[in-house]
Amino acid sequence: MDTRSGDAGGSSIGAATVRSPGLEVVTLRPRRTLGRSIGLPFIALVLPLLAAELWLLDPEGAWPLVAWTAAVIAVLVVAAWIAYQRTQASISVYGIVERGFFGGVYTTAARDIAGVLRVRVYRGNSLDTSQELFVVSHAGRGVFRMRGRFWTTSDMDRVAQILGVEQTVRPEPMTLAELRRSDPQLLYWFERRSISR
């Protein structure tokens, strides 16, 4: 290492060595296969609707309306794709910074996090389950959520380790109704009310 001195003190030519591991920030993104699994069925629904619109309307005068409808749908699809690509969660020992699908950025400081809860939840009216992860505040509210339909299990496995908090795993799967009765504060506002009441 070549060292020179100057008015500002010693300087060196070469790489600086950092002796501490530094701040580790892990950025997690939803499953990338989700775009195909949602996009292809959406296209399969839109094309027959455009064909029905063309068939029901006057064929000669319907082309502009069908073209405008297709353009609006294309713009919405592109906007949804961009929002999906930008969705992420950055996790470190200092907390979580989440960029949601609709563009909002939500920050949760590590001092507000009490622990992580993992639950397997039944999907609809089937015996299939989906892994869910809830980051829980000291007040018992859910401050961050990862659903197995959108996030991989390996990403969920890393959250408690990165945050440095305790993880609780419930051994038995639960229905959404059971979760609503036991821990309503973990769910989104629209999940807290049952439609069947």
C-alpha atoms as a PDB file:
ATOM      1  CA  MET A   1       0.000   0.000   0.000  1.00  0.00           C
ATOM      2  CA  ASP A   2       1.403   3.345  -1.013  1.00  0.00           C
ATOM      3  CA  THR A   3       0.752   6.086   1.547  1.00  0.00           C
ATOM      4  CA  ARG A   4       1.080   9.783   0.894  1.00  0.00           C
ATOM      5  CA  SER A   5       0.739  12.680   3.240  1.00  0.00           C
ATOM      6  CA  GLY A   6      -0.952  15.937   2.504  1.00  0.00           C
ATOM      7  CA  ASP A   7      -2.646  18.920   4.082  1.00  0.00           C
ATOM      8  CA  ALA A   8      -5.706  16.867   4.917  1.00  0.00           C
ATOM      9  CA  GLY A   9      -3.702  14.150   6.624  1.00  0.00           C
ATOM     10  CA  GLY A  10      -2.666  10.733   5.398  1.00  0.00           C
ATOM     11  CA  SER A  11      -4.164   9.289   2.253  1.00  0.00           C
ATOM     12  CA  SER A  12      -3.650   6.007   0.514  1.00  0.00           C
ATOM     13  CA  ILE A  13      -3.860   4.534  -2.921  1.00  0.00           C
ATOM     14  CA  GLY A  14      -5.768   1.276  -2.770  1.00  0.00           C
ATOM     15  CA  ALA A  15      -8.925  -0.250  -1.443  1.00  0.00           C
ATOM     16  CA  ALA A  16     -10.110   0.624   2.026  1.00  0.00           C
ATOM     17  CA  THR A  17     -10.688  -2.302   4.365  1.00  0.00           C
ATOM     18  CA  VAL A  18     -13.855  -2.391   6.441  1.00  0.00           C
ATOM     19  CA  ARG A  19     -13.570  -4.527   9.538  1.00  0.00           C
ATOM     20  CA  SER A  20     -17.286  -4.706  10.390  1.00  0.00           C
ATOM     21  CA  PRO A  21     -19.939  -6.558   8.408  1.00  0.00           C
ATOM     22  CA  GLY A  22     -21.922  -3.338   7.912  1.00  0.00           C
ATOM     23  CA  LEU A  23     -25.626  -2.986   7.466  1.00  0.00           C
ATOM     24  CA  GLU A  24     -27.216  -5.927   5.689  1.00  0.00           C
ATOM     25  CA  VAL A  25     -30.370  -4.944   3.841  1.00  0.00           C
ATOM     26  CA  VAL A  26     -32.178  -7.769   2.079  1.00  0.00           C
ATOM     27  CA  THR A  27     -34.665  -6.804  -0.608  1.00  0.00           C
ATOM     28  CA  LEU A  28     -37.387  -9.372  -1.189  1.00  0.00           C
ATOM     29  CA  ARG A  29     -39.694  -9.395  -4.195  1.00  0.00           C
ATOM     30  CA  PRO A  30     -42.916 -11.348  -4.845  1.00  0.00           C
ATOM     31  CA  ARG A  31     -42.806 -14.489  -6.959  1.00  0.00           C
ATOM     32  CA  ARG A  32     -41.985 -13.588 -10.541  1.00  0.00           C
ATOM     33  CA  THR A  33     -44.103 -16.456 -11.876  1.00  0.00           C
ATOM     34  CA  LEU A  34     -47.163 -14.712 -10.478  1.00  0.00           C
ATOM     35  CA  GLY A  35     -47.288 -12.376 -13.478  1.00  0.00           C
ATOM     36  CA  ARG A  36     -47.762 -15.290 -15.848  1.00  0.00           C
ATOM     37  CA  SER A  37     -50.237 -17.132 -13.646  1.00  0.00           C
ATOM     38  CA  ILE A  38     -52.457 -14.037 -13.375  1.00  0.00           C
ATOM     39  CA  GLY A  39     -51.716 -12.426 -16.748  1.00  0.00           C
ATOM     40  CA  LEU A  40     -52.532 -15.369 -19.004  1.00  0.00           C
ATOM     41  CA  PRO A  41     -56.020 -16.019 -17.536  1.00  0.00           C
ATOM     42  CA  PHE A  42     -56.696 -12.265 -17.688  1.00  0.00           C
ATOM     43  CA  ILE A  43     -55.855 -12.185 -21.395  1.00  0.00           C
ATOM     44  CA  ALA A  44     -58.017 -15.282 -21.909  1.00  0.00           C
ATOM     45  CA  LEU A  45     -60.942 -13.331 -20.418  1.00  0.00           C
ATOM     46  CA  VAL A  46     -60.328 -10.031 -22.211  1.00  0.00           C
ATOM     47  CA  LEU A  47     -60.113 -11.354 -25.773  1.00  0.00           C
ATOM     48  CA  PRO A  48     -63.624 -12.913 -25.754  1.00  0.00           C
ATOM     49  CA  LEU A  49     -65.009  -9.690 -24.234  1.00  0.00           C
ATOM     50  CA  LEU A  50     -63.513  -7.623 -27.044  1.00  0.00           C
ATOM     51  CA  ALA A  51     -64.869 -10.097 -29.602  1.00  0.00           C
ATOM     52  CA  ALA A  52     -68.334  -9.934 -27.982  1.00  0.00           C
ATOM     53  CA  GLU A  53     -68.203  -6.134 -28.030  1.00  0.00           C
ATOM     54  CA  LEU A  54     -67.375  -6.207 -31.726  1.00  0.00           C
ATOM     55  CA  TRP A  55     -70.081  -8.782 -32.443  1.00  0.00           C
ATOM     56  CA  LEU A  56     -72.843  -6.990 -30.497  1.00  0.00           C
ATOM     57  CA  LEU A  57     -72.159  -3.563 -31.939  1.00  0.00           C
ATOM     58  CA  ASP A  58     -72.450  -2.464 -35.557  1.00  0.00           C
ATOM     59  CA  PRO A  59     -69.405  -4.088 -37.244  1.00  0.00           C
ATOM     60  CA  GLU A  60     -68.545  -1.033 -39.329  1.00  0.00           C
ATOM     61  CA  GLY A  61     -68.882   1.551 -36.553  1.00  0.00           C
ATOM     62  CA  ALA A  62     -67.596  -0.657 -33.732  1.00  0.00           C
ATOM     63  CA  TRP A  63     -63.900  -0.666 -34.669  1.00  0.00           C
ATOM     64  CA  PRO A  64     -63.064   2.653 -32.978  1.00  0.00           C
ATOM     65  CA  LEU A  65     -64.848   1.639 -29.770  1.00  0.00           C
ATOM     66  CA  VAL A  66     -63.157  -1.769 -29.716  1.00  0.00           C
ATOM     67  CA  ALA A  67     -59.777  -0.139 -30.405  1.00  0.00           C
ATOM     68  CA  TRP A  68     -60.268   2.354 -27.554  1.00  0.00           C
ATOM     69  CA  THR A  69     -61.383  -0.420 -25.195  1.00  0.00           C
ATOM     70  CA  ALA A  70     -58.331  -2.502 -26.122  1.00  0.00           C
ATOM     71  CA  ALA A  71     -56.031   0.529 -25.663  1.00  0.00           C
ATOM     72  CA  VAL A  72     -57.458   1.289 -22.211  1.00  0.00           C
ATOM     73  CA  ILE A  73     -57.099  -2.357 -21.182  1.00  0.00           C
ATOM     74  CA  ALA A  74     -53.511  -2.413 -22.492  1.00  0.00           C
ATOM     75  CA  VAL A  75     -52.636   0.732 -20.498  1.00  0.00           C
ATOM     76  CA  LEU A  76     -54.153  -0.799 -17.340  1.00  0.00           C
ATOM     77  CA  VAL A  77     -52.240  -4.042 -17.880  1.00  0.00           C
ATOM     78  CA  VAL A  78     -48.938  -2.188 -18.382  1.00  0.00           C
ATOM     79  CA  ALA A  79     -49.579  -0.062 -15.266  1.00  0.00           C
ATOM     80  CA  ALA A  80     -50.357  -3.203 -13.227  1.00  0.00           C
ATOM     81  CA  TRP A  81     -47.202  -4.919 -14.544  1.00  0.00           C
ATOM     82  CA  ILE A  82     -45.019  -1.947 -13.593  1.00  0.00           C
ATOM     83  CA  ALA A  83     -46.611  -1.787 -10.125  1.00  0.00           C
ATOM     84  CA  TYR A  84     -46.038  -5.518  -9.696  1.00  0.00           C
ATOM     85  CA  GLN A  85     -42.381  -5.196 -10.742  1.00  0.00           C
ATOM     86  CA  ARG A  86     -41.820  -2.356  -8.254  1.00  0.00           C
ATOM     87  CA  THR A  87     -43.384  -4.208  -5.287  1.00  0.00           C
ATOM     88  CA  GLN A  88     -40.709  -5.129  -2.729  1.00  0.00           C
ATOM     89  CA  ALA A  89     -39.823  -5.337   0.932  1.00  0.00           C
ATOM     90  CA  SER A  90     -36.415  -4.228   2.220  1.00  0.00           C
ATOM     91  CA  ILE A  91     -35.604  -5.814   5.581  1.00  0.00           C
ATOM     92  CA  SER A  92     -32.714  -5.104   7.934  1.00  0.00           C
ATOM     93  CA  VAL A  93     -31.996  -5.126  11.663  1.00  0.00           C
ATOM     94  CA  TYR A  94     -33.437  -1.597  11.726  1.00  0.00           C
ATOM     95  CA  GLY A  95     -36.849  -2.607  10.406  1.00  0.00           C
ATOM     96  CA  ILE A  96     -38.891  -3.018   7.249  1.00  0.00           C
ATOM     97  CA  VAL A  97     -39.502  -0.690   4.317  1.00  0.00           C
ATOM     98  CA  GLU A  98     -42.305  -2.006   2.127  1.00  0.00           C
ATOM     99  CA  ARG A  99     -43.260  -0.665  -1.286  1.00  0.00           C
ATOM    100  CA  GLY A 100     -46.785  -1.909  -1.927  1.00  0.00           C
ATOM    101  CA  PHE A 101     -48.504  -2.741  -5.198  1.00  0.00           C
ATOM    102  CA  PHE A 102     -50.330   0.598  -5.263  1.00  0.00           C
ATOM    103  CA  GLY A 103     -47.080   2.544  -4.775  1.00  0.00           C
ATOM    104  CA  GLY A 104     -47.344   3.371  -1.082  1.00  0.00           C
ATOM    105  CA  VAL A 105     -44.187   3.085   1.007  1.00  0.00           C
ATOM    106  CA  TYR A 106     -44.668   1.805   4.550  1.00  0.00           C
ATOM    107  CA  THR A 107     -41.906   1.815   7.144  1.00  0.00           C
ATOM    108  CA  THR A 108     -41.829  -0.183  10.378  1.00  0.00           C
ATOM    109  CA  ALA A 109     -38.992   0.419  12.831  1.00  0.00           C
ATOM    110  CA  ALA A 110     -37.416  -2.596  14.527  1.00  0.00           C
ATOM    111  CA  ARG A 111     -38.235  -1.164  17.959  1.00  0.00           C
ATOM    112  CA  ASP A 112     -41.956  -1.531  17.116  1.00  0.00           C
ATOM    113  CA  ILE A 113     -41.669  -5.232  16.170  1.00  0.00           C
ATOM    114  CA  ALA A 114     -42.412  -7.854  18.823  1.00  0.00           C
ATOM    115  CA  GLY A 115     -42.017 -10.984  16.710  1.00  0.00           C
ATOM    116  CA  VAL A 116     -42.969 -13.004  13.664  1.00  0.00           C
ATOM    117  CA  LEU A 117     -45.926 -15.392  13.440  1.00  0.00           C
ATOM    118  CA  ARG A 118     -46.150 -18.160  10.802  1.00  0.00           C
ATOM    119  CA  VAL A 119     -49.526 -19.757  10.110  1.00  0.00           C
ATOM    120  CA  ARG A 120     -50.803 -22.147   7.449  1.00  0.00           C
ATOM    121  CA  VAL A 121     -54.217 -20.923   6.266  1.00  0.00           C
ATOM    122  CA  TYR A 122     -56.710 -22.973   4.262  1.00  0.00           C
ATOM    123  CA  ARG A 123     -57.412 -21.578   0.794  1.00  0.00           C
ATOM    124  CA  GLY A 124     -61.113 -20.931   0.267  1.00  0.00           C
ATOM    125  CA  ASN A 125     -63.243 -24.064   0.401  1.00  0.00           C
ATOM    126  CA  SER A 126     -60.422 -26.562  -0.108  1.00  0.00           C
ATOM    127  CA  LEU A 127     -57.947 -28.585   1.899  1.00  0.00           C
ATOM    128  CA  ASP A 128     -55.004 -26.780   0.303  1.00  0.00           C
ATOM    129  CA  THR A 129     -53.107 -24.494   2.638  1.00  0.00           C
ATOM    130  CA  SER A 130     -50.966 -21.443   2.066  1.00  0.00           C
ATOM    131  CA  GLN A 131     -48.147 -20.278   4.327  1.00  0.00           C
ATOM    132  CA  GLU A 132     -48.673 -16.814   5.833  1.00  0.00           C
ATOM    133  CA  LEU A 133     -46.187 -14.690   7.739  1.00  0.00           C
ATOM    134  CA  PHE A 134     -47.215 -11.840  10.019  1.00  0.00           C
ATOM    135  CA  VAL A 135     -44.775  -9.373  11.548  1.00  0.00           C
ATOM    136  CA  VAL A 136     -46.467  -8.406  14.805  1.00  0.00           C
ATOM    137  CA  SER A 137     -46.090  -5.149  16.745  1.00  0.00           C
ATOM    138  CA  HIS A 138     -45.907  -4.885  20.531  1.00  0.00           C
ATOM    139  CA  ALA A 139     -49.583  -3.890  20.465  1.00  0.00           C
ATOM    140  CA  GLY A 140     -50.443  -7.181  18.735  1.00  0.00           C
ATOM    141  CA  ARG A 141     -51.231  -5.649  15.338  1.00  0.00           C
ATOM    142  CA  GLY A 142     -49.929  -6.952  12.053  1.00  0.00           C
ATOM    143  CA  VAL A 143     -47.467  -4.426  10.614  1.00  0.00           C
ATOM    144  CA  PHE A 144     -46.242  -6.486   7.668  1.00  0.00           C
ATOM    145  CA  ARG A 145     -47.648  -9.563   5.960  1.00  0.00           C
ATOM    146  CA  MET A 146     -46.348 -12.085   3.455  1.00  0.00           C
ATOM    147  CA  ARG A 147     -48.831 -14.450   1.829  1.00  0.00           C
ATOM    148  CA  GLY A 148     -47.648 -17.723   0.339  1.00  0.00           C
ATOM    149  CA  ARG A 149     -49.446 -17.023  -2.917  1.00  0.00           C
ATOM    150  CA  PHE A 150     -47.163 -14.037  -3.529  1.00  0.00           C
ATOM    151  CA  TRP A 151     -43.930 -14.765  -1.600  1.00  0.00           C
ATOM    152  CA  THR A 152     -41.710 -17.832  -1.528  1.00  0.00           C
ATOM    153  CA  THR A 153     -41.241 -19.895   1.626  1.00  0.00           C
ATOM    154  CA  SER A 154     -37.487 -19.311   1.489  1.00  0.00           C
ATOM    155  CA  ASP A 155     -38.072 -15.528   1.588  1.00  0.00           C
ATOM    156  CA  MET A 156     -40.390 -15.966   4.576  1.00  0.00           C
ATOM    157  CA  ASP A 157     -37.763 -18.091   6.337  1.00  0.00           C
ATOM    158  CA  ARG A 158     -35.302 -15.179   6.228  1.00  0.00           C
ATOM    159  CA  VAL A 159     -37.497 -12.470   7.798  1.00  0.00           C
ATOM    160  CA  ALA A 160     -37.245 -13.352  11.507  1.00  0.00           C
ATOM    161  CA  GLN A 161     -33.528 -14.085  11.151  1.00  0.00           C
ATOM    162  CA  ILE A 162     -32.805 -10.714   9.532  1.00  0.00           C
ATOM    163  CA  LEU A 163     -34.961  -8.783  12.014  1.00  0.00           C
ATOM    164  CA  GLY A 164     -33.432 -10.657  14.951  1.00  0.00           C
ATOM    165  CA  VAL A 165     -36.800 -11.408  16.573  1.00  0.00           C
ATOM    166  CA  GLU A 166     -38.496 -14.573  17.793  1.00  0.00           C
ATOM    167  CA  GLN A 167     -40.578 -16.559  15.326  1.00  0.00           C
ATOM    168  CA  THR A 168     -43.678 -18.484  16.418  1.00  0.00           C
ATOM    169  CA  VAL A 169     -45.022 -21.227  14.166  1.00  0.00           C
ATOM    170  CA  ARG A 170     -48.550 -22.500  14.712  1.00  0.00           C
ATOM    171  CA  PRO A 171     -48.526 -26.255  14.096  1.00  0.00           C
ATOM    172  CA  GLU A 172     -52.122 -26.707  12.886  1.00  0.00           C
ATOM    173  CA  PRO A 173     -53.624 -25.063   9.779  1.00  0.00           C
ATOM    174  CA  MET A 174     -56.418 -22.553  10.353  1.00  0.00           C
ATOM    175  CA  THR A 175     -59.333 -21.296   8.322  1.00  0.00           C
ATOM    176  CA  LEU A 176     -59.692 -17.587   7.719  1.00  0.00           C
ATOM    177  CA  ALA A 177     -62.726 -17.599  10.060  1.00  0.00           C
ATOM    178  CA  GLU A 178     -60.622 -19.129  12.858  1.00  0.00           C
ATOM    179  CA  LEU A 179     -57.882 -16.579  12.292  1.00  0.00           C
ATOM    180  CA  ARG A 180     -60.497 -13.822  12.281  1.00  0.00           C
ATOM    181  CA  ARG A 181     -61.742 -14.989  15.707  1.00  0.00           C
ATOM    182  CA  SER A 182     -58.309 -15.551  17.280  1.00  0.00           C
ATOM    183  CA  ASP A 183     -56.267 -12.688  15.798  1.00  0.00           C
ATOM    184  CA  PRO A 184     -58.425 -10.154  13.915  1.00  0.00           C
ATOM    185  CA  GLN A 185     -55.807  -7.411  14.368  1.00  0.00           C
ATOM    186  CA  LEU A 186     -53.437  -9.294  12.050  1.00  0.00           C
ATOM    187  CA  LEU A 187     -55.815  -9.230   9.084  1.00  0.00           C
ATOM    188  CA  TYR A 188     -56.568  -6.545   6.525  1.00  0.00           C
ATOM    189  CA  TRP A 189     -59.681  -4.463   7.273  1.00  0.00           C
ATOM    190  CA  PHE A 190     -61.737  -6.201   4.573  1.00  0.00           C
ATOM    191  CA  GLU A 191     -60.853  -9.656   5.961  1.00  0.00           C
ATOM    192  CA  ARG A 192     -62.042  -8.836   9.474  1.00  0.00           C
ATOM    193  CA  ARG A 193     -65.701  -9.018   8.489  1.00  0.00           C
ATOM    194  CA  SER A 194     -67.385 -12.192   7.359  1.00  0.00           C
ATOM    195  CA  ILE A 195     -69.617 -12.024   4.278  1.00  0.00           C
ATOM    196  CA  SER A 196     -71.749 -14.911   5.551  1.00  0.00           C
ATOM    197  CA  ARG A 197     -73.102 -12.975   8.574  1.00  0.00           C
END
